[in-house]
Amino acid sequence: MKSDETLIGLNASAKHYCVCFFISEMKSDYCDEAYDRIISASVSDDELFNQIKLLGYIKDEEKKEISIEYGEYNIVSVFTEETGCYFKK
């Protein structure tokens, strides 16, 4: 189902950037390149991949959050020392 693949792609995107920035402490260029390799291999629908890539993400350094909004979806991945990256409800 298309909506399931969209949600999986959005979740994977938010989690990737959370791990890349806050756990691995990498820079934007590296995280973007790694994202392209990982997501293009895991999302079978090229159109969906391009839509997710165009959306981008919002990085909040202070709260250590990555958020992505798309239609009815608002995905937020948060980093804490205790739990690593997790999804905020």
Protein backbone atom coordinates (compact mmCIF):
# COMPACT_ATOMS: atom_id res chain seq x y z
CA MET A 1 0.00 0.00 0.00
CA LYS A 2 1.32 3.44 -0.96
CA SER A 3 0.56 5.09 2.40
CA ASP A 4 2.47 2.35 4.24
CA GLU A 5 5.52 2.86 2.04
CA THR A 6 5.26 6.63 2.51
CA LEU A 7 5.20 6.27 6.30
CA ILE A 8 8.11 3.81 6.25
CA GLY A 9 10.12 6.18 4.04
CA LEU A 10 9.40 9.18 6.27
CA ASN A 11 10.26 7.23 9.43
CA ALA A 12 13.48 5.91 7.89
CA SER A 13 14.43 9.44 6.80
CA ALA A 14 13.87 11.00 10.22
CA LYS A 15 15.71 8.16 11.97
CA HIS A 16 18.65 8.35 9.54
CA TYR A 17 19.19 12.06 10.10
CA CYS A 18 18.77 11.73 13.87
CA VAL A 19 21.42 8.99 14.02
CA CYS A 20 23.72 10.73 11.54
CA PHE A 21 23.67 14.13 13.25
CA PHE A 22 23.24 13.37 16.92
CA ILE A 23 24.82 9.93 17.41
CA SER A 24 27.47 9.86 14.66
CA GLU A 25 27.97 13.64 14.85
CA MET A 26 28.47 13.92 11.09
CA LYS A 27 28.08 17.01 8.92
CA SER A 28 25.16 17.73 6.57
CA ASP A 29 27.02 16.77 3.36
CA TYR A 30 27.93 13.32 4.67
CA CYS A 31 24.43 12.72 6.06
CA ASP A 32 22.83 13.75 2.73
CA GLU A 33 25.13 11.45 0.71
CA ALA A 34 24.54 8.53 3.08
CA TYR A 35 20.79 9.20 2.93
CA ASP A 36 20.80 9.04 -0.87
CA ARG A 37 22.53 5.66 -0.82
CA ILE A 38 20.39 4.13 1.93
CA ILE A 39 16.95 5.43 0.98
CA SER A 40 17.27 4.89 -2.77
CA ALA A 41 18.12 1.25 -2.03
CA SER A 42 15.22 0.76 0.39
CA VAL A 43 12.36 2.69 -1.26
CA SER A 44 11.21 0.93 -4.41
CA ASP A 45 9.14 3.83 -5.74
CA ASP A 46 11.40 6.45 -7.39
CA GLU A 47 8.63 9.06 -7.27
CA LEU A 48 8.21 8.55 -3.51
CA PHE A 49 11.99 8.77 -3.00
CA ASN A 50 12.10 12.08 -4.89
CA GLN A 51 9.10 13.47 -2.96
CA ILE A 52 10.67 12.61 0.40
CA LYS A 53 13.99 14.11 -0.68
CA LEU A 54 12.28 17.35 -1.76
CA LEU A 55 10.55 17.64 1.62
CA GLY A 56 13.80 17.83 3.47
CA TYR A 57 13.84 17.91 7.24
CA ILE A 58 14.00 20.38 10.09
CA LYS A 59 16.89 19.96 12.51
CA ASP A 60 16.50 21.41 15.99
CA GLU A 61 19.95 21.33 17.62
CA GLU A 62 18.66 22.52 20.98
CA LYS A 63 15.94 19.87 21.31
CA LYS A 64 18.01 17.32 19.34
CA GLU A 65 15.08 16.60 17.04
CA ILE A 66 14.65 15.88 13.36
CA SER A 67 11.16 16.49 12.01
CA ILE A 68 9.60 15.84 8.63
CA GLU A 69 6.08 16.91 7.68
CA TYR A 70 4.19 15.50 4.73
CA GLY A 71 0.42 15.80 4.39
CA GLU A 72 -1.14 14.24 7.48
CA TYR A 73 2.21 12.91 8.67
CA ASN A 74 4.41 14.73 11.17
CA ILE A 75 7.37 12.49 11.98
CA VAL A 76 9.73 13.53 14.78
CA SER A 77 12.83 11.58 15.77
CA VAL A 78 14.42 12.68 19.06
CA PHE A 79 17.85 11.88 20.48
CA THR A 80 18.59 11.39 24.17
CA GLU A 81 21.69 9.91 25.80
CA GLU A 82 19.54 7.28 27.55
CA THR A 83 17.57 5.98 24.56
CA GLY A 84 19.39 7.09 21.41
CA CYS A 85 16.98 8.11 18.62
CA TYR A 86 13.30 7.38 19.10
CA PHE A 87 10.03 8.55 17.58
CA LYS A 88 8.03 11.18 19.43
CA LYS A 89 4.28 10.68 19.56
